[in-house]
Amino acid sequence: SELRKLPGVGDYTAAAIAAIAFDVAATPVDGNVER
């Protein structure tokens, strides 16, 4: 929620940063994951 308040950070990018950088159980869905 705090990440999404930053410029240029949408749902996908917020989830990716939360999961990868902070090991939060978030789910970013890019083209690879979607497929």
PDB file of all heavy atoms in Angstrom:
ATOM      1  N   SER A   1       0.824  -1.208   0.000  1.00  0.00           N
ATOM      2  CA  SER A   1       0.000   0.000   0.000  1.00  0.00           C
ATOM      3  C   SER A   1       0.858   1.258   0.000  1.00  0.00           C
ATOM      4  O   SER A   1       0.554   2.238  -0.705  1.00  0.00           O
ATOM      5  CB  SER A   1      -0.945   0.001   1.209  1.00  0.00           C
ATOM      6  OG  SER A   1      -0.206  -0.017   2.423  1.00  0.00           O
ATOM      7  N   GLU A   2       1.955   1.262   0.764  1.00  0.00           N
ATOM      8  CA  GLU A   2       2.840   2.424   0.770  1.00  0.00           C
ATOM      9  C   GLU A   2       3.636   2.511  -0.528  1.00  0.00           C
ATOM     10  O   GLU A   2       3.884   3.612  -1.045  1.00  0.00           O
ATOM     11  CB  GLU A   2       3.791   2.352   1.974  1.00  0.00           C
ATOM     12  CG  GLU A   2       3.137   2.657   3.300  1.00  0.00           C
ATOM     13  CD  GLU A   2       2.556   4.058   3.355  1.00  0.00           C
ATOM     14  OE1 GLU A   2       3.250   5.011   2.962  1.00  0.00           O
ATOM     15  OE2 GLU A   2       1.395   4.201   3.781  1.00  0.00           O
ATOM     16  N   LEU A   3       4.035   1.392  -1.061  1.00  0.00           N
ATOM     17  CA  LEU A   3       4.770   1.392  -2.330  1.00  0.00           C
ATOM     18  C   LEU A   3       3.921   1.962  -3.463  1.00  0.00           C
ATOM     19  O   LEU A   3       4.424   2.684  -4.331  1.00  0.00           O
ATOM     20  CB  LEU A   3       5.220  -0.025  -2.673  1.00  0.00           C
ATOM     21  CG  LEU A   3       6.394  -0.572  -1.851  1.00  0.00           C
ATOM     22  CD1 LEU A   3       6.503  -2.085  -2.005  1.00  0.00           C
ATOM     23  CD2 LEU A   3       7.699   0.108  -2.269  1.00  0.00           C
ATOM     24  N   ARG A   4       2.630   1.643  -3.451  1.00  0.00           N
ATOM     25  CA  ARG A   4       1.750   2.131  -4.522  1.00  0.00           C
ATOM     26  C   ARG A   4       1.571   3.638  -4.503  1.00  0.00           C
ATOM     27  O   ARG A   4       1.144   4.224  -5.500  1.00  0.00           O
ATOM     28  CB  ARG A   4       0.377   1.447  -4.433  1.00  0.00           C
ATOM     29  CG  ARG A   4       0.345   0.053  -5.032  1.00  0.00           C
ATOM     30  CD  ARG A   4      -1.086  -0.413  -5.227  1.00  0.00           C
ATOM     31  NE  ARG A   4      -1.754  -0.603  -3.956  1.00  0.00           N
ATOM     32  CZ  ARG A   4      -1.809  -1.758  -3.283  1.00  0.00           C
ATOM     33  NH1 ARG A   4      -1.228  -2.833  -3.792  1.00  0.00           N
ATOM     34  NH2 ARG A   4      -2.447  -1.845  -2.145  1.00  0.00           N
ATOM     35  N   LYS A   5       1.909   4.285  -3.417  1.00  0.00           N
ATOM     36  CA  LYS A   5       1.800   5.739  -3.332  1.00  0.00           C
ATOM     37  C   LYS A   5       2.973   6.454  -4.000  1.00  0.00           C
ATOM     38  O   LYS A   5       2.943   7.675  -4.185  1.00  0.00           O
ATOM     39  CB  LYS A   5       1.719   6.173  -1.871  1.00  0.00           C
ATOM     40  CG  LYS A   5       0.467   5.685  -1.152  1.00  0.00           C
ATOM     41  CD  LYS A   5       0.491   6.085   0.319  1.00  0.00           C
ATOM     42  CE  LYS A   5      -0.717   5.517   1.069  1.00  0.00           C
ATOM     43  NZ  LYS A   5      -0.666   5.861   2.512  1.00  0.00           N
ATOM     44  N   LEU A   6       3.996   5.708  -4.368  1.00  0.00           N
ATOM     45  CA  LEU A   6       5.168   6.307  -4.995  1.00  0.00           C
ATOM     46  C   LEU A   6       4.941   6.527  -6.479  1.00  0.00           C
ATOM     47  O   LEU A   6       4.245   5.730  -7.125  1.00  0.00           O
ATOM     48  CB  LEU A   6       6.387   5.395  -4.790  1.00  0.00           C
ATOM     49  CG  LEU A   6       6.835   5.189  -3.343  1.00  0.00           C
ATOM     50  CD1 LEU A   6       7.914   4.107  -3.276  1.00  0.00           C
ATOM     51  CD2 LEU A   6       7.352   6.500  -2.745  1.00  0.00           C
ATOM     52  N   PRO A   7       5.522   7.574  -7.070  1.00  0.00           N
ATOM     53  CA  PRO A   7       5.338   7.836  -8.506  1.00  0.00           C
ATOM     54  C   PRO A   7       5.809   6.656  -9.358  1.00  0.00           C
ATOM     55  O   PRO A   7       6.891   6.098  -9.135  1.00  0.00           O
ATOM     56  CB  PRO A   7       6.220   9.068  -8.753  1.00  0.00           C
ATOM     57  CG  PRO A   7       6.326   9.732  -7.430  1.00  0.00           C
ATOM     58  CD  PRO A   7       6.330   8.628  -6.420  1.00  0.00           C
ATOM     59  N   GLY A   8       4.974   6.277 -10.312  1.00  0.00           N
ATOM     60  CA  GLY A   8       5.341   5.227 -11.251  1.00  0.00           C
ATOM     61  C   GLY A   8       5.258   3.817 -10.715  1.00  0.00           C
ATOM     62  O   GLY A   8       5.636   2.866 -11.414  1.00  0.00           O
ATOM     63  N   VAL A   9       4.780   3.640  -9.496  1.00  0.00           N
ATOM     64  CA  VAL A   9       4.678   2.306  -8.896  1.00  0.00           C
ATOM     65  C   VAL A   9       3.212   1.889  -8.866  1.00  0.00           C
ATOM     66  O   VAL A   9       2.430   2.393  -8.063  1.00  0.00           O
ATOM     67  CB  VAL A   9       5.282   2.265  -7.480  1.00  0.00           C
ATOM     68  CG1 VAL A   9       5.109   0.881  -6.859  1.00  0.00           C
ATOM     69  CG2 VAL A   9       6.758   2.638  -7.523  1.00  0.00           C
ATOM     70  N   GLY A  10       2.842   0.981  -9.752  1.00  0.00           N
ATOM     71  CA  GLY A  10       1.485   0.464  -9.794  1.00  0.00           C
ATOM     72  C   GLY A  10       1.362  -0.835  -9.030  1.00  0.00           C
ATOM     73  O   GLY A  10       2.262  -1.232  -8.275  1.00  0.00           O
ATOM     74  N   ASP A  11       0.249  -1.522  -9.237  1.00  0.00           N
ATOM     75  CA  ASP A  11      -0.016  -2.759  -8.502  1.00  0.00           C
ATOM     76  C   ASP A  11       1.062  -3.806  -8.730  1.00  0.00           C
ATOM     77  O   ASP A  11       1.543  -4.442  -7.785  1.00  0.00           O
ATOM     78  CB  ASP A  11      -1.383  -3.327  -8.914  1.00  0.00           C
ATOM     79  CG  ASP A  11      -2.543  -2.477  -8.430  1.00  0.00           C
ATOM     80  OD1 ASP A  11      -2.311  -1.602  -7.575  1.00  0.00           O
ATOM     81  OD2 ASP A  11      -3.669  -2.675  -8.916  1.00  0.00           O
ATOM     82  N   TYR A  12       1.445  -4.011  -9.998  1.00  0.00           N
ATOM     83  CA  TYR A  12       2.434  -5.041 -10.281  1.00  0.00           C
ATOM     84  C   TYR A  12       3.787  -4.714  -9.626  1.00  0.00           C
ATOM     85  O   TYR A  12       4.383  -5.544  -8.940  1.00  0.00           O
ATOM     86  CB  TYR A  12       2.638  -5.224 -11.791  1.00  0.00           C
ATOM     87  CG  TYR A  12       3.900  -6.005 -12.065  1.00  0.00           C
ATOM     88  CD1 TYR A  12       3.914  -7.386 -11.924  1.00  0.00           C
ATOM     89  CD2 TYR A  12       5.096  -5.357 -12.376  1.00  0.00           C
ATOM     90  CE1 TYR A  12       5.089  -8.110 -12.096  1.00  0.00           C
ATOM     91  CE2 TYR A  12       6.270  -6.068 -12.551  1.00  0.00           C
ATOM     92  CZ  TYR A  12       6.258  -7.444 -12.409  1.00  0.00           C
ATOM     93  OH  TYR A  12       7.419  -8.155 -12.563  1.00  0.00           O
ATOM     94  N   THR A  13       4.268  -3.486  -9.839  1.00  0.00           N
ATOM     95  CA  THR A  13       5.591  -3.123  -9.334  1.00  0.00           C
ATOM     96  C   THR A  13       5.622  -3.136  -7.812  1.00  0.00           C
ATOM     97  O   THR A  13       6.609  -3.574  -7.203  1.00  0.00           O
ATOM     98  CB  THR A  13       6.000  -1.737  -9.865  1.00  0.00           C
ATOM     99  OG1 THR A  13       5.904  -1.744 -11.289  1.00  0.00           O
ATOM    100  CG2 THR A  13       7.418  -1.399  -9.465  1.00  0.00           C
ATOM    101  N   ALA A  14       4.540  -2.680  -7.174  1.00  0.00           N
ATOM    102  CA  ALA A  14       4.476  -2.713  -5.711  1.00  0.00           C
ATOM    103  C   ALA A  14       4.555  -4.147  -5.202  1.00  0.00           C
ATOM    104  O   ALA A  14       5.269  -4.448  -4.234  1.00  0.00           O
ATOM    105  CB  ALA A  14       3.183  -2.050  -5.232  1.00  0.00           C
ATOM    106  N   ALA A  15       3.825  -5.051  -5.846  1.00  0.00           N
ATOM    107  CA  ALA A  15       3.850  -6.456  -5.431  1.00  0.00           C
ATOM    108  C   ALA A  15       5.232  -7.063  -5.656  1.00  0.00           C
ATOM    109  O   ALA A  15       5.732  -7.840  -4.830  1.00  0.00           O
ATOM    110  CB  ALA A  15       2.785  -7.242  -6.184  1.00  0.00           C
ATOM    111  N   ALA A  16       5.868  -6.718  -6.781  1.00  0.00           N
ATOM    112  CA  ALA A  16       7.191  -7.275  -7.081  1.00  0.00           C
ATOM    113  C   ALA A  16       8.228  -6.809  -6.061  1.00  0.00           C
ATOM    114  O   ALA A  16       9.042  -7.611  -5.575  1.00  0.00           O
ATOM    115  CB  ALA A  16       7.613  -6.869  -8.491  1.00  0.00           C
ATOM    116  N   ILE A  17       8.228  -5.524  -5.721  1.00  0.00           N
ATOM    117  CA  ILE A  17       9.184  -5.009  -4.742  1.00  0.00           C
ATOM    118  C   ILE A  17       8.924  -5.630  -3.374  1.00  0.00           C
ATOM    119  O   ILE A  17       9.856  -6.061  -2.679  1.00  0.00           O
ATOM    120  CB  ILE A  17       9.117  -3.479  -4.664  1.00  0.00           C
ATOM    121  CG1 ILE A  17       9.525  -2.858  -6.004  1.00  0.00           C
ATOM    122  CG2 ILE A  17      10.014  -2.953  -3.546  1.00  0.00           C
ATOM    123  CD1 ILE A  17       9.257  -1.362  -6.093  1.00  0.00           C
ATOM    124  N   ALA A  18       7.660  -5.684  -2.973  1.00  0.00           N
ATOM    125  CA  ALA A  18       7.317  -6.258  -1.663  1.00  0.00           C
ATOM    126  C   ALA A  18       7.768  -7.705  -1.564  1.00  0.00           C
ATOM    127  O   ALA A  18       8.350  -8.134  -0.556  1.00  0.00           O
ATOM    128  CB  ALA A  18       5.813  -6.138  -1.419  1.00  0.00           C
ATOM    129  N   ALA A  19       7.510  -8.479  -2.604  1.00  0.00           N
ATOM    130  CA  ALA A  19       7.850  -9.905  -2.569  1.00  0.00           C
ATOM    131  C   ALA A  19       9.352 -10.123  -2.664  1.00  0.00           C
ATOM    132  O   ALA A  19       9.940 -10.835  -1.837  1.00  0.00           O
ATOM    133  CB  ALA A  19       7.130 -10.631  -3.704  1.00  0.00           C
ATOM    134  N   ILE A  20       9.985  -9.536  -3.675  1.00  0.00           N
ATOM    135  CA  ILE A  20      11.390  -9.844  -3.960  1.00  0.00           C
ATOM    136  C   ILE A  20      12.329  -9.167  -2.970  1.00  0.00           C
ATOM    137  O   ILE A  20      13.292  -9.776  -2.489  1.00  0.00           O
ATOM    138  CB  ILE A  20      11.737  -9.441  -5.398  1.00  0.00           C
ATOM    139  CG1 ILE A  20      10.883 -10.241  -6.392  1.00  0.00           C
ATOM    140  CG2 ILE A  20      13.212  -9.670  -5.678  1.00  0.00           C
ATOM    141  CD1 ILE A  20      10.979  -9.764  -7.831  1.00  0.00           C
ATOM    142  N   ALA A  21      12.065  -7.892  -2.649  1.00  0.00           N
ATOM    143  CA  ALA A  21      12.970  -7.160  -1.774  1.00  0.00           C
ATOM    144  C   ALA A  21      12.727  -7.434  -0.297  1.00  0.00           C
ATOM    145  O   ALA A  21      13.665  -7.419   0.505  1.00  0.00           O
ATOM    146  CB  ALA A  21      12.853  -5.662  -2.049  1.00  0.00           C
ATOM    147  N   PHE A  22      11.451  -7.686   0.068  1.00  0.00           N
ATOM    148  CA  PHE A  22      11.115  -7.807   1.493  1.00  0.00           C
ATOM    149  C   PHE A  22      10.495  -9.151   1.870  1.00  0.00           C
ATOM    150  O   PHE A  22      10.112  -9.356   3.019  1.00  0.00           O
ATOM    151  CB  PHE A  22      10.170  -6.663   1.890  1.00  0.00           C
ATOM    152  CG  PHE A  22      10.766  -5.300   1.667  1.00  0.00           C
ATOM    153  CD1 PHE A  22      10.357  -4.500   0.605  1.00  0.00           C
ATOM    154  CD2 PHE A  22      11.757  -4.814   2.507  1.00  0.00           C
ATOM    155  CE1 PHE A  22      10.902  -3.248   0.388  1.00  0.00           C
ATOM    156  CE2 PHE A  22      12.312  -3.550   2.296  1.00  0.00           C
ATOM    157  CZ  PHE A  22      11.887  -2.764   1.241  1.00  0.00           C
ATOM    158  N   ASP A  23      10.394 -10.075   0.915  1.00  0.00           N
ATOM    159  CA  ASP A  23       9.865 -11.427   1.152  1.00  0.00           C
ATOM    160  C   ASP A  23       8.447 -11.400   1.731  1.00  0.00           C
ATOM    161  O   ASP A  23       8.074 -12.244   2.559  1.00  0.00           O
ATOM    162  CB  ASP A  23      10.791 -12.221   2.080  1.00  0.00           C
ATOM    163  CG  ASP A  23      10.793 -13.709   1.744  1.00  0.00           C
ATOM    164  OD1 ASP A  23      10.556 -14.064   0.576  1.00  0.00           O
ATOM    165  OD2 ASP A  23      11.031 -14.522   2.656  1.00  0.00           O
ATOM    166  N   VAL A  24       7.658 -10.445   1.270  1.00  0.00           N
ATOM    167  CA  VAL A  24       6.244 -10.368   1.630  1.00  0.00           C
ATOM    168  C   VAL A  24       5.458 -11.290   0.694  1.00  0.00           C
ATOM    169  O   VAL A  24       5.799 -11.452  -0.480  1.00  0.00           O
ATOM    170  CB  VAL A  24       5.740  -8.917   1.502  1.00  0.00           C
ATOM    171  CG1 VAL A  24       4.231  -8.831   1.689  1.00  0.00           C
ATOM    172  CG2 VAL A  24       6.464  -8.024   2.499  1.00  0.00           C
ATOM    173  N   ALA A  25       4.424 -11.918   1.204  1.00  0.00           N
ATOM    174  CA  ALA A  25       3.621 -12.842   0.384  1.00  0.00           C
ATOM    175  C   ALA A  25       2.726 -12.063  -0.567  1.00  0.00           C
ATOM    176  O   ALA A  25       1.494 -12.037  -0.441  1.00  0.00           O
ATOM    177  CB  ALA A  25       2.793 -13.755   1.283  1.00  0.00           C
ATOM    178  N   ALA A  26       3.346 -11.413  -1.526  1.00  0.00           N
ATOM    179  CA  ALA A  26       2.636 -10.650  -2.551  1.00  0.00           C
ATOM    180  C   ALA A  26       2.760 -11.397  -3.876  1.00  0.00           C
ATOM    181  O   ALA A  26       3.636 -12.242  -4.049  1.00  0.00           O
ATOM    182  CB  ALA A  26       3.223  -9.251  -2.661  1.00  0.00           C
ATOM    183  N   THR A  27       1.882 -11.054  -4.832  1.00  0.00           N
ATOM    184  CA  THR A  27       1.832 -11.815  -6.089  1.00  0.00           C
ATOM    185  C   THR A  27       1.874 -10.885  -7.290  1.00  0.00           C
ATOM    186  O   THR A  27       0.835 -10.477  -7.807  1.00  0.00           O
ATOM    187  CB  THR A  27       0.554 -12.680  -6.150  1.00  0.00           C
ATOM    188  OG1 THR A  27       0.439 -13.439  -4.950  1.00  0.00           O
ATOM    189  CG2 THR A  27       0.606 -13.625  -7.345  1.00  0.00           C
ATOM    190  N   PRO A  28       3.064 -10.541  -7.769  1.00  0.00           N
ATOM    191  CA  PRO A  28       3.154  -9.778  -9.018  1.00  0.00           C
ATOM    192  C   PRO A  28       2.929 -10.714 -10.202  1.00  0.00           C
ATOM    193  O   PRO A  28       3.469 -11.821 -10.246  1.00  0.00           O
ATOM    194  CB  PRO A  28       4.588  -9.250  -9.006  1.00  0.00           C
ATOM    195  CG  PRO A  28       5.347 -10.245  -8.189  1.00  0.00           C
ATOM    196  CD  PRO A  28       4.380 -10.780  -7.172  1.00  0.00           C
ATOM    197  N   VAL A  29       2.125 -10.274 -11.161  1.00  0.00           N
ATOM    198  CA  VAL A  29       1.828 -11.115 -12.328  1.00  0.00           C
ATOM    199  C   VAL A  29       2.302 -10.382 -13.570  1.00  0.00           C
ATOM    200  O   VAL A  29       1.642  -9.481 -14.076  1.00  0.00           O
ATOM    201  CB  VAL A  29       0.319 -11.436 -12.418  1.00  0.00           C
ATOM    202  CG1 VAL A  29       0.034 -12.291 -13.654  1.00  0.00           C
ATOM    203  CG2 VAL A  29      -0.145 -12.158 -11.161  1.00  0.00           C
ATOM    204  N   ASP A  30       3.487 -10.764 -14.069  1.00  0.00           N
ATOM    205  CA  ASP A  30       3.969 -10.224 -15.327  1.00  0.00           C
ATOM    206  C   ASP A  30       3.582 -11.176 -16.453  1.00  0.00           C
ATOM    207  O   ASP A  30       2.833 -12.132 -16.252  1.00  0.00           O
ATOM    208  CB  ASP A  30       5.487  -9.987 -15.278  1.00  0.00           C
ATOM    209  CG  ASP A  30       6.291 -11.284 -15.187  1.00  0.00           C
ATOM    210  OD1 ASP A  30       5.686 -12.373 -15.083  1.00  0.00           O
ATOM    211  OD2 ASP A  30       7.533 -11.200 -15.233  1.00  0.00           O
ATOM    212  N   GLY A  31       4.086 -10.933 -17.662  1.00  0.00           N
ATOM    213  CA  GLY A  31       3.714 -11.778 -18.794  1.00  0.00           C
ATOM    214  C   GLY A  31       4.126 -13.223 -18.616  1.00  0.00           C
ATOM    215  O   GLY A  31       3.403 -14.145 -19.024  1.00  0.00           O
ATOM    216  N   ASN A  32       5.291 -13.446 -18.011  1.00  0.00           N
ATOM    217  CA  ASN A  32       5.751 -14.814 -17.790  1.00  0.00           C
ATOM    218  C   ASN A  32       4.859 -15.559 -16.803  1.00  0.00           C
ATOM    219  O   ASN A  32       4.460 -16.692 -17.036  1.00  0.00           O
ATOM    220  CB  ASN A  32       7.201 -14.808 -17.287  1.00  0.00           C
ATOM    221  CG  ASN A  32       8.195 -14.463 -18.379  1.00  0.00           C
ATOM    222  OD1 ASN A  32       8.059 -14.911 -19.508  1.00  0.00           O
ATOM    223  ND2 ASN A  32       9.182 -13.659 -18.047  1.00  0.00           N
ATOM    224  N   VAL A  33       4.562 -14.905 -15.679  1.00  0.00           N
ATOM    225  CA  VAL A  33       3.705 -15.539 -14.665  1.00  0.00           C
ATOM    226  C   VAL A  33       2.302 -15.768 -15.229  1.00  0.00           C
ATOM    227  O   VAL A  33       1.691 -16.821 -15.003  1.00  0.00           O
ATOM    228  CB  VAL A  33       3.650 -14.675 -13.393  1.00  0.00           C
ATOM    229  CG1 VAL A  33       2.658 -15.258 -12.388  1.00  0.00           C
ATOM    230  CG2 VAL A  33       5.040 -14.556 -12.770  1.00  0.00           C
ATOM    231  N   GLU A  34       1.807 -14.813 -15.962  1.00  0.00           N
ATOM    232  CA  GLU A  34       0.486 -14.926 -16.581  1.00  0.00           C
ATOM    233  C   GLU A  34       0.395 -16.168 -17.467  1.00  0.00           C
ATOM    234  O   GLU A  34      -0.580 -16.918 -17.414  1.00  0.00           O
ATOM    235  CB  GLU A  34       0.227 -13.665 -17.392  1.00  0.00           C
ATOM    236  CG  GLU A  34      -1.183 -13.500 -17.911  1.00  0.00           C
ATOM    237  CD  GLU A  34      -1.346 -12.141 -18.559  1.00  0.00           C
ATOM    238  OE1 GLU A  34      -0.747 -11.919 -19.623  1.00  0.00           O
ATOM    239  OE2 GLU A  34      -2.081 -11.292 -17.996  1.00  0.00           O
ATOM    240  N   ARG A  35       1.426 -16.385 -18.262  1.00  0.00           N
ATOM    241  CA  ARG A  35       1.446 -17.532 -19.175  1.00  0.00           C
ATOM    242  C   ARG A  35       1.526 -18.853 -18.399  1.00  0.00           C
ATOM    243  O   ARG A  35       0.820 -19.821 -18.714  1.00  0.00           O
ATOM    244  CB  ARG A  35       2.632 -17.401 -20.130  1.00  0.00           C
ATOM    245  CG  ARG A  35       2.696 -18.471 -21.187  1.00  0.00           C
ATOM    246  CD  ARG A  35       3.701 -18.118 -22.253  1.00  0.00           C
ATOM    247  NE  ARG A  35       5.040 -17.886 -21.724  1.00  0.00           N
ATOM    248  CZ  ARG A  35       5.603 -16.688 -21.564  1.00  0.00           C
ATOM    249  NH1 ARG A  35       4.941 -15.590 -21.897  1.00  0.00           N
ATOM    250  NH2 ARG A  35       6.824 -16.562 -21.077  1.00  0.00           N
TER     251      ARG A  35
END
